[in-house]
PDB file of N, CA and C in Angstrom:
ATOM      1  N   MET A   1     -91.432  56.648 165.516  1.00  0.00           N
ATOM      2  CA  MET A   1     -90.348  57.315 164.816  1.00  0.00           C
ATOM      3  C   MET A   1     -90.643  57.275 163.316  1.00  0.00           C
ATOM      4  N   SER A   2     -90.402  58.372 162.647  1.00  0.00           N
ATOM      5  CA  SER A   2     -90.678  58.430 161.212  1.00  0.00           C
ATOM      6  C   SER A   2     -89.518  57.849 160.419  1.00  0.00           C
ATOM      7  N   ASN A   3     -89.830  57.351 159.256  1.00  0.00           N
ATOM      8  CA  ASN A   3     -88.808  56.852 158.338  1.00  0.00           C
ATOM      9  C   ASN A   3     -88.499  57.949 157.342  1.00  0.00           C
ATOM     10  N   TYR A   4     -87.378  58.606 157.537  1.00  0.00           N
ATOM     11  CA  TYR A   4     -86.979  59.697 156.667  1.00  0.00           C
ATOM     12  C   TYR A   4     -86.176  59.130 155.515  1.00  0.00           C
ATOM     13  N   ARG A   5     -86.557  59.466 154.306  1.00  0.00           N
ATOM     14  CA  ARG A   5     -85.854  58.980 153.127  1.00  0.00           C
ATOM     15  C   ARG A   5     -85.159  60.110 152.419  1.00  0.00           C
ATOM     16  N   ARG A   6     -83.910  59.891 152.127  1.00  0.00           N
ATOM     17  CA  ARG A   6     -83.172  60.837 151.297  1.00  0.00           C
ATOM     18  C   ARG A   6     -83.209  60.322 149.874  1.00  0.00           C
ATOM     19  N   TYR A   7     -83.417  61.235 148.966  1.00  0.00           N
ATOM     20  CA  TYR A   7     -83.394  60.877 147.555  1.00  0.00           C
ATOM     21  C   TYR A   7     -82.039  61.255 146.985  1.00  0.00           C
ATOM     22  N   TYR A   8     -81.417  60.302 146.361  1.00  0.00           N
ATOM     23  CA  TYR A   8     -80.120  60.531 145.733  1.00  0.00           C
ATOM     24  C   TYR A   8     -80.326  60.493 144.229  1.00  0.00           C
ATOM     25  N   ILE A   9     -80.139  61.639 143.592  1.00  0.00           N
ATOM     26  CA  ILE A   9     -80.392  61.785 142.164  1.00  0.00           C
ATOM     27  C   ILE A   9     -79.115  62.280 141.504  1.00  0.00           C
ATOM     28  N   ASN A  10     -78.546  61.492 140.608  1.00  0.00           N
ATOM     29  CA  ASN A  10     -77.355  61.934 139.882  1.00  0.00           C
ATOM     30  C   ASN A  10     -77.660  63.232 139.151  1.00  0.00           C
ATOM     31  N   GLY A  11     -76.781  64.215 139.318  1.00  0.00           N
ATOM     32  CA  GLY A  11     -76.980  65.500 138.660  1.00  0.00           C
ATOM     33  C   GLY A  11     -78.126  66.305 139.228  1.00  0.00           C
ATOM     34  N   GLY A  12     -78.598  65.942 140.405  1.00  0.00           N
ATOM     35  CA  GLY A  12     -79.749  66.601 141.006  1.00  0.00           C
ATOM     36  C   GLY A  12     -79.455  68.009 141.495  1.00  0.00           C
ATOM     37  N   THR A  13     -80.524  68.763 141.680  1.00  0.00           N
ATOM     38  CA  THR A  13     -80.449  70.104 142.244  1.00  0.00           C
ATOM     39  C   THR A  13     -81.143  70.057 143.596  1.00  0.00           C
ATOM     40  N   TRP A  14     -80.470  70.612 144.605  1.00  0.00           N
ATOM     41  CA  TRP A  14     -80.905  70.480 145.990  1.00  0.00           C
ATOM     42  C   TRP A  14     -80.975  71.835 146.687  1.00  0.00           C
ATOM     43  N   PHE A  15     -81.949  71.964 147.564  1.00  0.00           N
ATOM     44  CA  PHE A  15     -82.064  73.109 148.471  1.00  0.00           C
ATOM     45  C   PHE A  15     -81.615  72.627 149.847  1.00  0.00           C
ATOM     46  N   PHE A  16     -80.699  73.359 150.479  1.00  0.00           N
ATOM     47  CA  PHE A  16     -80.177  72.976 151.792  1.00  0.00           C
ATOM     48  C   PHE A  16     -80.381  74.094 152.798  1.00  0.00           C
ATOM     49  N   THR A  17     -80.595  73.705 154.039  1.00  0.00           N
ATOM     50  CA  THR A  17     -80.570  74.613 155.175  1.00  0.00           C
ATOM     51  C   THR A  17     -79.629  74.014 156.209  1.00  0.00           C
ATOM     52  N   VAL A  18     -78.686  74.817 156.670  1.00  0.00           N
ATOM     53  CA  VAL A  18     -77.727  74.396 157.692  1.00  0.00           C
ATOM     54  C   VAL A  18     -77.804  75.410 158.828  1.00  0.00           C
ATOM     55  N   ASN A  19     -77.928  74.917 160.048  1.00  0.00           N
ATOM     56  CA  ASN A  19     -78.090  75.775 161.224  1.00  0.00           C
ATOM     57  C   ASN A  19     -76.905  75.665 162.170  1.00  0.00           C
ATOM     58  N   LEU A  20     -76.676  76.743 162.891  1.00  0.00           N
ATOM     59  CA  LEU A  20     -75.766  76.688 164.022  1.00  0.00           C
ATOM     60  C   LEU A  20     -76.497  76.048 165.194  1.00  0.00           C
ATOM     61  N   LYS A  21     -75.759  75.442 166.086  1.00  0.00           N
ATOM     62  CA  LYS A  21     -76.380  74.899 167.297  1.00  0.00           C
ATOM     63  C   LYS A  21     -76.969  76.021 168.138  1.00  0.00           C
ATOM     64  N   ASN A  22     -76.241  77.120 168.246  1.00  0.00           N
ATOM     65  CA  ASN A  22     -76.708  78.282 168.999  1.00  0.00           C
ATOM     66  C   ASN A  22     -77.444  79.214 168.043  1.00  0.00           C
ATOM     67  N   ARG A  23     -78.756  79.194 168.094  1.00  0.00           N
ATOM     68  CA  ARG A  23     -79.558  79.975 167.157  1.00  0.00           C
ATOM     69  C   ARG A  23     -79.509  81.480 167.443  1.00  0.00           C
ATOM     70  N   LYS A  24     -78.832  81.897 168.501  1.00  0.00           N
ATOM     71  CA  LYS A  24     -78.686  83.326 168.796  1.00  0.00           C
ATOM     72  C   LYS A  24     -77.322  83.858 168.368  1.00  0.00           C
ATOM     73  N   SER A  25     -76.507  83.006 167.800  1.00  0.00           N
ATOM     74  CA  SER A  25     -75.153  83.389 167.395  1.00  0.00           C
ATOM     75  C   SER A  25     -75.167  84.127 166.055  1.00  0.00           C
ATOM     76  N   ASP A  26     -74.120  84.902 165.812  1.00  0.00           N
ATOM     77  CA  ASP A  26     -73.936  85.543 164.507  1.00  0.00           C
ATOM     78  C   ASP A  26     -72.640  85.049 163.855  1.00  0.00           C
ATOM     79  N   LEU A  27     -72.220  83.873 164.234  1.00  0.00           N
ATOM     80  CA  LEU A  27     -70.943  83.315 163.804  1.00  0.00           C
ATOM     81  C   LEU A  27     -70.792  83.254 162.287  1.00  0.00           C
ATOM     82  N   LEU A  28     -71.829  82.872 161.575  1.00  0.00           N
ATOM     83  CA  LEU A  28     -71.687  82.696 160.125  1.00  0.00           C
ATOM     84  C   LEU A  28     -71.337  83.999 159.418  1.00  0.00           C
ATOM     85  N   VAL A  29     -71.921  85.098 159.833  1.00  0.00           N
ATOM     86  CA  VAL A  29     -71.589  86.368 159.181  1.00  0.00           C
ATOM     87  C   VAL A  29     -70.260  86.932 159.692  1.00  0.00           C
ATOM     88  N   ARG A  30     -69.911  86.654 160.940  1.00  0.00           N
ATOM     89  CA  ARG A  30     -68.609  87.094 161.458  1.00  0.00           C
ATOM     90  C   ARG A  30     -67.459  86.320 160.822  1.00  0.00           C
ATOM     91  N   GLN A  31     -67.708  85.077 160.468  1.00  0.00           N
ATOM     92  CA  GLN A  31     -66.659  84.215 159.915  1.00  0.00           C
ATOM     93  C   GLN A  31     -66.923  83.910 158.437  1.00  0.00           C
ATOM     94  N   ILE A  32     -67.484  84.866 157.719  1.00  0.00           N
ATOM     95  CA  ILE A  32     -67.866  84.638 156.323  1.00  0.00           C
ATOM     96  C   ILE A  32     -66.661  84.311 155.442  1.00  0.00           C
ATOM     97  N   ALA A  33     -65.522  84.912 155.688  1.00  0.00           N
ATOM     98  CA  ALA A  33     -64.330  84.624 154.869  1.00  0.00           C
ATOM     99  C   ALA A  33     -63.917  83.163 155.014  1.00  0.00           C
ATOM    100  N   GLU A  34     -63.976  82.644 156.226  1.00  0.00           N
ATOM    101  CA  GLU A  34     -63.625  81.247 156.461  1.00  0.00           C
ATOM    102  C   GLU A  34     -64.640  80.308 155.815  1.00  0.00           C
ATOM    103  N   LEU A  35     -65.911  80.691 155.862  1.00  0.00           N
ATOM    104  CA  LEU A  35     -66.945  79.885 155.211  1.00  0.00           C
ATOM    105  C   LEU A  35     -66.724  79.850 153.702  1.00  0.00           C
ATOM    106  N   ARG A  36     -66.460  80.999 153.110  1.00  0.00           N
ATOM    107  CA  ARG A  36     -66.192  81.056 151.667  1.00  0.00           C
ATOM    108  C   ARG A  36     -64.976  80.216 151.293  1.00  0.00           C
ATOM    109  N   SER A  37     -63.951  80.283 152.097  1.00  0.00           N
ATOM    110  CA  SER A  37     -62.745  79.497 151.840  1.00  0.00           C
ATOM    111  C   SER A  37     -63.049  78.000 151.880  1.00  0.00           C
ATOM    112  N   ALA A  38     -63.813  77.572 152.863  1.00  0.00           N
ATOM    113  CA  ALA A  38     -64.181  76.152 152.966  1.00  0.00           C
ATOM    114  C   ALA A  38     -64.989  75.715 151.746  1.00  0.00           C
ATOM    115  N   ILE A  39     -65.905  76.558 151.295  1.00  0.00           N
ATOM    116  CA  ILE A  39     -66.712  76.234 150.113  1.00  0.00           C
ATOM    117  C   ILE A  39     -65.816  76.091 148.889  1.00  0.00           C
ATOM    118  N   ARG A  40     -64.904  77.038 148.688  1.00  0.00           N
ATOM    119  CA  ARG A  40     -63.981  76.966 147.541  1.00  0.00           C
ATOM    120  C   ARG A  40     -63.160  75.682 147.562  1.00  0.00           C
ATOM    121  N   ARG A  41     -62.653  75.339 148.734  1.00  0.00           N
ATOM    122  CA  ARG A  41     -61.818  74.139 148.841  1.00  0.00           C
ATOM    123  C   ARG A  41     -62.609  72.879 148.508  1.00  0.00           C
ATOM    124  N   VAL A  42     -63.830  72.795 148.979  1.00  0.00           N
ATOM    125  CA  VAL A  42     -64.658  71.623 148.665  1.00  0.00           C
ATOM    126  C   VAL A  42     -64.976  71.588 147.175  1.00  0.00           C
ATOM    127  N   LYS A  43     -65.325  72.740 146.603  1.00  0.00           N
ATOM    128  CA  LYS A  43     -65.626  72.787 145.161  1.00  0.00           C
ATOM    129  C   LYS A  43     -64.430  72.361 144.315  1.00  0.00           C
ATOM    130  N   ASN A  44     -63.219  72.649 144.781  1.00  0.00           N
ATOM    131  CA  ASN A  44     -62.022  72.252 144.034  1.00  0.00           C
ATOM    132  C   ASN A  44     -61.821  70.747 144.015  1.00  0.00           C
ATOM    133  N   THR A  45     -62.212  70.070 145.082  1.00  0.00           N
ATOM    134  CA  THR A  45     -62.006  68.621 145.146  1.00  0.00           C
ATOM    135  C   THR A  45     -63.234  67.827 144.714  1.00  0.00           C
ATOM    136  N   LYS A  46     -64.421  68.376 144.959  1.00  0.00           N
ATOM    137  CA  LYS A  46     -65.676  67.705 144.600  1.00  0.00           C
ATOM    138  C   LYS A  46     -66.591  68.742 143.961  1.00  0.00           C
ATOM    139  N   PRO A  47     -66.466  68.953 142.670  1.00  0.00           N
ATOM    140  CA  PRO A  47     -67.188  70.045 142.006  1.00  0.00           C
ATOM    141  C   PRO A  47     -68.710  69.987 142.185  1.00  0.00           C
ATOM    142  N   PHE A  48     -69.290  71.162 142.217  1.00  0.00           N
ATOM    143  CA  PHE A  48     -70.736  71.348 142.208  1.00  0.00           C
ATOM    144  C   PHE A  48     -70.997  72.791 141.824  1.00  0.00           C
ATOM    145  N   GLN A  49     -72.203  73.053 141.394  1.00  0.00           N
ATOM    146  CA  GLN A  49     -72.585  74.410 141.000  1.00  0.00           C
ATOM    147  C   GLN A  49     -73.418  75.030 142.111  1.00  0.00           C
ATOM    148  N   ILE A  50     -73.116  76.258 142.457  1.00  0.00           N
ATOM    149  CA  ILE A  50     -73.930  77.000 143.420  1.00  0.00           C
ATOM    150  C   ILE A  50     -74.908  77.848 142.617  1.00  0.00           C
ATOM    151  N   ASP A  51     -76.189  77.535 142.738  1.00  0.00           N
ATOM    152  CA  ASP A  51     -77.231  78.280 142.030  1.00  0.00           C
ATOM    153  C   ASP A  51     -77.730  79.464 142.847  1.00  0.00           C
ATOM    154  N   ALA A  52     -77.669  79.340 144.165  1.00  0.00           N
ATOM    155  CA  ALA A  52     -78.063  80.426 145.070  1.00  0.00           C
ATOM    156  C   ALA A  52     -77.458  80.127 146.435  1.00  0.00           C
ATOM    157  N   PHE A  53     -77.153  81.199 147.174  1.00  0.00           N
ATOM    158  CA  PHE A  53     -76.549  81.010 148.495  1.00  0.00           C
ATOM    159  C   PHE A  53     -76.857  82.237 149.335  1.00  0.00           C
ATOM    160  N   VAL A  54     -77.427  82.034 150.509  1.00  0.00           N
ATOM    161  CA  VAL A  54     -77.730  83.126 151.428  1.00  0.00           C
ATOM    162  C   VAL A  54     -77.196  82.746 152.804  1.00  0.00           C
ATOM    163  N   VAL A  55     -76.403  83.637 153.378  1.00  0.00           N
ATOM    164  CA  VAL A  55     -75.854  83.409 154.712  1.00  0.00           C
ATOM    165  C   VAL A  55     -76.489  84.411 155.667  1.00  0.00           C
ATOM    166  N   LEU A  56     -77.139  83.901 156.674  1.00  0.00           N
ATOM    167  CA  LEU A  56     -77.729  84.705 157.736  1.00  0.00           C
ATOM    168  C   LEU A  56     -76.894  84.490 158.999  1.00  0.00           C
ATOM    169  N   PRO A  57     -77.099  85.271 160.037  1.00  0.00           N
ATOM    170  CA  PRO A  57     -76.217  85.144 161.204  1.00  0.00           C
ATOM    171  C   PRO A  57     -76.105  83.728 161.776  1.00  0.00           C
ATOM    172  N   GLU A  58     -77.223  83.000 161.865  1.00  0.00           N
ATOM    173  CA  GLU A  58     -77.193  81.698 162.530  1.00  0.00           C
ATOM    174  C   GLU A  58     -77.583  80.519 161.645  1.00  0.00           C
ATOM    175  N   HIS A  59     -77.856  80.765 160.381  1.00  0.00           N
ATOM    176  CA  HIS A  59     -78.118  79.656 159.460  1.00  0.00           C
ATOM    177  C   HIS A  59     -77.872  80.105 158.030  1.00  0.00           C
ATOM    178  N   LEU A  60     -77.838  79.135 157.146  1.00  0.00           N
ATOM    179  CA  LEU A  60     -77.666  79.451 155.731  1.00  0.00           C
ATOM    180  C   LEU A  60     -78.612  78.596 154.903  1.00  0.00           C
ATOM    181  N   HIS A  61     -78.936  79.109 153.732  1.00  0.00           N
ATOM    182  CA  HIS A  61     -79.716  78.382 152.734  1.00  0.00           C
ATOM    183  C   HIS A  61     -78.913  78.405 151.445  1.00  0.00           C
ATOM    184  N   CYS A  62     -78.990  77.332 150.695  1.00  0.00           N
ATOM    185  CA  CYS A  62     -78.331  77.344 149.391  1.00  0.00           C
ATOM    186  C   CYS A  62     -78.982  76.335 148.463  1.00  0.00           C
ATOM    187  N   ILE A  63     -78.732  76.547 147.188  1.00  0.00           N
ATOM    188  CA  ILE A  63     -79.170  75.619 146.147  1.00  0.00           C
ATOM    189  C   ILE A  63     -77.932  75.192 145.393  1.00  0.00           C
ATOM    190  N   TRP A  64     -77.725  73.888 145.335  1.00  0.00           N
ATOM    191  CA  TRP A  64     -76.589  73.308 144.623  1.00  0.00           C
ATOM    192  C   TRP A  64     -77.092  72.377 143.540  1.00  0.00           C
ATOM    193  N   THR A  65     -76.353  72.328 142.437  1.00  0.00           N
ATOM    194  CA  THR A  65     -76.560  71.311 141.406  1.00  0.00           C
ATOM    195  C   THR A  65     -75.281  70.486 141.324  1.00  0.00           C
ATOM    196  N   LEU A  66     -75.440  69.186 141.417  1.00  0.00           N
ATOM    197  CA  LEU A  66     -74.296  68.277 141.366  1.00  0.00           C
ATOM    198  C   LEU A  66     -74.004  67.869 139.930  1.00  0.00           C
ATOM    199  N   PRO A  67     -72.785  67.397 139.671  1.00  0.00           N
ATOM    200  CA  PRO A  67     -72.454  66.928 138.320  1.00  0.00           C
ATOM    201  C   PRO A  67     -73.369  65.774 137.892  1.00  0.00           C
ATOM    202  N   GLU A  68     -73.464  65.609 136.607  1.00  0.00           N
ATOM    203  CA  GLU A  68     -74.349  64.629 135.977  1.00  0.00           C
ATOM    204  C   GLU A  68     -74.266  63.221 136.571  1.00  0.00           C
ATOM    205  N   ASN A  69     -73.076  62.775 136.871  1.00  0.00           N
ATOM    206  CA  ASN A  69     -72.877  61.394 137.321  1.00  0.00           C
ATOM    207  C   ASN A  69     -72.661  61.303 138.835  1.00  0.00           C
ATOM    208  N   ASP A  70     -73.148  62.274 139.573  1.00  0.00           N
ATOM    209  CA  ASP A  70     -72.832  62.368 140.997  1.00  0.00           C
ATOM    210  C   ASP A  70     -74.089  62.708 141.793  1.00  0.00           C
ATOM    211  N   CYS A  71     -74.274  62.023 142.914  1.00  0.00           N
ATOM    212  CA  CYS A  71     -75.408  62.320 143.795  1.00  0.00           C
ATOM    213  C   CYS A  71     -74.967  62.496 145.249  1.00  0.00           C
ATOM    214  N   ASP A  72     -73.669  62.602 145.468  1.00  0.00           N
ATOM    215  CA  ASP A  72     -73.123  62.592 146.825  1.00  0.00           C
ATOM    216  C   ASP A  72     -72.970  63.992 147.411  1.00  0.00           C
ATOM    217  N   PHE A  73     -74.086  64.568 147.839  1.00  0.00           N
ATOM    218  CA  PHE A  73     -73.999  65.863 148.512  1.00  0.00           C
ATOM    219  C   PHE A  73     -73.520  65.703 149.954  1.00  0.00           C
ATOM    220  N   SER A  74     -73.746  64.542 150.545  1.00  0.00           N
ATOM    221  CA  SER A  74     -73.395  64.325 151.956  1.00  0.00           C
ATOM    222  C   SER A  74     -71.908  64.496 152.230  1.00  0.00           C
ATOM    223  N   SER A  75     -71.067  63.924 151.376  1.00  0.00           N
ATOM    224  CA  SER A  75     -69.624  64.045 151.621  1.00  0.00           C
ATOM    225  C   SER A  75     -69.155  65.486 151.429  1.00  0.00           C
ATOM    226  N   ARG A  76     -69.796  66.218 150.544  1.00  0.00           N
ATOM    227  CA  ARG A  76     -69.453  67.629 150.358  1.00  0.00           C
ATOM    228  C   ARG A  76     -69.762  68.426 151.626  1.00  0.00           C
ATOM    229  N   TRP A  77     -70.951  68.209 152.186  1.00  0.00           N
ATOM    230  CA  TRP A  77     -71.312  68.916 153.411  1.00  0.00           C
ATOM    231  C   TRP A  77     -70.427  68.497 154.573  1.00  0.00           C
ATOM    232  N   ARG A  78     -70.123  67.215 154.671  1.00  0.00           N
ATOM    233  CA  ARG A  78     -69.247  66.743 155.745  1.00  0.00           C
ATOM    234  C   ARG A  78     -67.890  67.455 155.678  1.00  0.00           C
ATOM    235  N   GLU A  79     -67.324  67.518 154.476  1.00  0.00           N
ATOM    236  CA  GLU A  79     -66.024  68.162 154.294  1.00  0.00           C
ATOM    237  C   GLU A  79     -66.110  69.671 154.530  1.00  0.00           C
ATOM    238  N   LEU A  80     -67.153  70.304 154.033  1.00  0.00           N
ATOM    239  CA  LEU A  80     -67.317  71.748 154.219  1.00  0.00           C
ATOM    240  C   LEU A  80     -67.420  72.095 155.704  1.00  0.00           C
ATOM    241  N   LYS A  81     -68.235  71.350 156.430  1.00  0.00           N
ATOM    242  CA  LYS A  81     -68.381  71.599 157.867  1.00  0.00           C
ATOM    243  C   LYS A  81     -67.062  71.370 158.598  1.00  0.00           C
ATOM    244  N   LYS A  82     -66.358  70.317 158.217  1.00  0.00           N
ATOM    245  CA  LYS A  82     -65.071  70.018 158.856  1.00  0.00           C
ATOM    246  C   LYS A  82     -64.068  71.148 158.618  1.00  0.00           C
ATOM    247  N   LEU A  83     -63.944  71.576 157.369  1.00  0.00           N
ATOM    248  CA  LEU A  83     -62.991  72.640 157.042  1.00  0.00           C
ATOM    249  C   LEU A  83     -63.353  73.957 157.732  1.00  0.00           C
ATOM    250  N   PHE A  84     -64.624  74.290 157.726  1.00  0.00           N
ATOM    251  CA  PHE A  84     -65.060  75.546 158.338  1.00  0.00           C
ATOM    252  C   PHE A  84     -64.816  75.544 159.842  1.00  0.00           C
ATOM    253  N   THR A  85     -65.267  74.512 160.527  1.00  0.00           N
ATOM    254  CA  THR A  85     -65.114  74.496 161.982  1.00  0.00           C
ATOM    255  C   THR A  85     -63.643  74.416 162.391  1.00  0.00           C
ATOM    256  N   LYS A  86     -62.847  73.713 161.599  1.00  0.00           N
ATOM    257  CA  LYS A  86     -61.410  73.648 161.895  1.00  0.00           C
ATOM    258  C   LYS A  86     -60.767  75.032 161.728  1.00  0.00           C
ATOM    259  N   SER A  87     -61.174  75.758 160.695  1.00  0.00           N
ATOM    260  CA  SER A  87     -60.574  77.075 160.437  1.00  0.00           C
ATOM    261  C   SER A  87     -60.911  78.094 161.519  1.00  0.00           C
ATOM    262  N   ILE A  88     -62.049  77.942 162.163  1.00  0.00           N
ATOM    263  CA  ILE A  88     -62.422  78.877 163.232  1.00  0.00           C
ATOM    264  C   ILE A  88     -62.102  78.309 164.619  1.00  0.00           C
ATOM    265  N   MET A  89     -61.552  77.106 164.637  1.00  0.00           N
ATOM    266  CA  MET A  89     -61.145  76.422 165.870  1.00  0.00           C
ATOM    267  C   MET A  89     -62.292  76.266 166.865  1.00  0.00           C
ATOM    268  N   ARG A  90     -63.469  75.963 166.335  1.00  0.00           N
ATOM    269  CA  ARG A  90     -64.646  75.706 167.175  1.00  0.00           C
ATOM    270  C   ARG A  90     -65.392  74.552 166.534  1.00  0.00           C
ATOM    271  N   HIS A  91     -65.245  73.383 167.100  1.00  0.00           N
ATOM    272  CA  HIS A  91     -65.692  72.166 166.428  1.00  0.00           C
ATOM    273  C   HIS A  91     -67.142  71.769 166.688  1.00  0.00           C
ATOM    274  N   ASP A  92     -67.843  72.499 167.491  1.00  0.00           N
ATOM    275  CA  ASP A  92     -69.214  72.081 167.793  1.00  0.00           C
ATOM    276  C   ASP A  92     -70.242  73.152 167.444  1.00  0.00           C
ATOM    277  N   GLU A  93     -69.920  74.019 166.526  1.00  0.00           N
ATOM    278  CA  GLU A  93     -70.803  75.146 166.214  1.00  0.00           C
ATOM    279  C   GLU A  93     -71.989  74.780 165.321  1.00  0.00           C
ATOM    280  N   LEU A  94     -71.762  73.941 164.326  1.00  0.00           N
ATOM    281  CA  LEU A  94     -72.815  73.604 163.369  1.00  0.00           C
ATOM    282  C   LEU A  94     -73.607  72.393 163.835  1.00  0.00           C
ATOM    283  N   GLN A  95     -74.897  72.416 163.564  1.00  0.00           N
ATOM    284  CA  GLN A  95     -75.684  71.226 163.848  1.00  0.00           C
ATOM    285  C   GLN A  95     -75.170  70.090 162.972  1.00  0.00           C
ATOM    286  N   PRO A  96     -75.143  68.873 163.501  1.00  0.00           N
ATOM    287  CA  PRO A  96     -74.562  67.768 162.740  1.00  0.00           C
ATOM    288  C   PRO A  96     -75.349  67.424 161.477  1.00  0.00           C
ATOM    289  N   ARG A  97     -76.610  67.693 161.487  1.00  0.00           N
ATOM    290  CA  ARG A  97     -77.431  67.374 160.310  1.00  0.00           C
ATOM    291  C   ARG A  97     -77.813  68.653 159.582  1.00  0.00           C
ATOM    292  N   ASN A  98     -78.283  68.474 158.369  1.00  0.00           N
ATOM    293  CA  ASN A  98     -78.817  69.600 157.614  1.00  0.00           C
ATOM    294  C   ASN A  98     -80.105  69.147 156.942  1.00  0.00           C
ATOM    295  N   TRP A  99     -80.912  70.111 156.576  1.00  0.00           N
ATOM    296  CA  TRP A  99     -82.163  69.808 155.908  1.00  0.00           C
ATOM    297  C   TRP A  99     -81.939  69.959 154.418  1.00  0.00           C
ATOM    298  N   GLN A 100     -82.429  69.008 153.634  1.00  0.00           N
ATOM    299  CA  GLN A 100     -82.285  69.109 152.187  1.00  0.00           C
ATOM    300  C   GLN A 100     -83.582  68.701 151.493  1.00  0.00           C
ATOM    301  N   HIS A 101     -83.727  69.238 150.308  1.00  0.00           N
ATOM    302  CA  HIS A 101     -84.914  68.973 149.501  1.00  0.00           C
ATOM    303  C   HIS A 101     -84.472  68.896 148.048  1.00  0.00           C
ATOM    304  N   ALA A 102     -84.799  67.797 147.391  1.00  0.00           N
ATOM    305  CA  ALA A 102     -84.462  67.641 145.968  1.00  0.00           C
ATOM    306  C   ALA A 102     -85.567  68.267 145.124  1.00  0.00           C
ATOM    307  N   PHE A 103     -85.172  69.004 144.107  1.00  0.00           N
ATOM    308  CA  PHE A 103     -86.152  69.598 143.197  1.00  0.00           C
ATOM    309  C   PHE A 103     -86.559  68.576 142.153  1.00  0.00           C
ATOM    310  N   ARG A 104     -87.838  68.516 141.897  1.00  0.00           N
ATOM    311  CA  ARG A 104     -88.333  67.581 140.895  1.00  0.00           C
ATOM    312  C   ARG A 104     -88.794  68.286 139.626  1.00  0.00           C
ATOM    313  N   ASP A 105     -88.944  69.616 139.719  1.00  0.00           N
ATOM    314  CA  ASP A 105     -89.351  70.357 138.526  1.00  0.00           C
ATOM    315  C   ASP A 105     -88.880  71.806 138.631  1.00  0.00           C
ATOM    316  N   GLN A 106     -88.968  72.498 137.532  1.00  0.00           N
ATOM    317  CA  GLN A 106     -88.504  73.887 137.434  1.00  0.00           C
ATOM    318  C   GLN A 106     -89.329  74.826 138.313  1.00  0.00           C
ATOM    319  N   LYS A 107     -90.605  74.529 138.476  1.00  0.00           N
ATOM    320  CA  LYS A 107     -91.475  75.373 139.296  1.00  0.00           C
ATOM    321  C   LYS A 107     -90.999  75.380 140.755  1.00  0.00           C
ATOM    322  N   ALA A 108     -90.660  74.226 141.282  1.00  0.00           N
ATOM    323  CA  ALA A 108     -90.160  74.130 142.660  1.00  0.00           C
ATOM    324  C   ALA A 108     -88.830  74.864 142.794  1.00  0.00           C
ATOM    325  N   PHE A 109     -87.970  74.720 141.799  1.00  0.00           N
ATOM    326  CA  PHE A 109     -86.682  75.421 141.820  1.00  0.00           C
ATOM    327  C   PHE A 109     -86.898  76.932 141.870  1.00  0.00           C
ATOM    328  N   ARG A 110     -87.750  77.448 140.998  1.00  0.00           N
ATOM    329  CA  ARG A 110     -88.015  78.891 140.958  1.00  0.00           C
ATOM    330  C   ARG A 110     -88.574  79.399 142.291  1.00  0.00           C
ATOM    331  N   ARG A 111     -89.499  78.632 142.856  1.00  0.00           N
ATOM    332  CA  ARG A 111     -90.115  79.034 144.123  1.00  0.00           C
ATOM    333  C   ARG A 111     -89.052  79.155 145.231  1.00  0.00           C
ATOM    334  N   HIS A 112     -88.161  78.191 145.313  1.00  0.00           N
ATOM    335  CA  HIS A 112     -87.117  78.231 146.336  1.00  0.00           C
ATOM    336  C   HIS A 112     -86.080  79.323 146.039  1.00  0.00           C
ATOM    337  N   ALA A 113     -85.714  79.480 144.777  1.00  0.00           N
ATOM    338  CA  ALA A 113     -84.739  80.515 144.406  1.00  0.00           C
ATOM    339  C   ALA A 113     -85.292  81.905 144.717  1.00  0.00           C
ATOM    340  N   GLU A 114     -86.570  82.117 144.476  1.00  0.00           N
ATOM    341  CA  GLU A 114     -87.187  83.407 144.788  1.00  0.00           C
ATOM    342  C   GLU A 114     -87.233  83.644 146.293  1.00  0.00           C
ATOM    343  N   TYR A 115     -87.392  82.582 147.058  1.00  0.00           N
ATOM    344  CA  TYR A 115     -87.377  82.688 148.520  1.00  0.00           C
ATOM    345  C   TYR A 115     -86.030  83.228 149.007  1.00  0.00           C
ATOM    346  N   LEU A 116     -84.973  82.766 148.342  1.00  0.00           N
ATOM    347  CA  LEU A 116     -83.641  83.215 148.747  1.00  0.00           C
ATOM    348  C   LEU A 116     -83.397  84.627 148.269  1.00  0.00           C
TER     349      LEU A 116
END
C-alpha cells in the first residue's frame, strides 16, 4: 500500500478533480444550479477564491486559492458535497474522495489553468 501525503499550505492554490460514482451519469450538468448554490453557500461560510472551474457531465475540475492563513480545503469539500447531495436528495452520487494537487510555482498553475 502506498503512503499518500497531502500537503497543507496556508494560502495555497489547489487543482481538484471530483468524480461521480457512476461515470456514465450526466448528473452534474443536469443539477448545475444546485451545484452552484452549494458552492456559494460554502464560500459564504468558508471563503476561498475560484480561479477556474469546469463542470463535465460526470466529473468536475477546479482551481481554488485559500485565504492566507487557511489550508483546510477538506472541510470545504466535505460541506460542498453534503449540501449538493442533500439538495438533490441523492446521498451516494459523489465519490467520497477527490484528487488534489498543490501548485508549487506559476508554471504549474498556468499549465493546469490552460488544461481547463
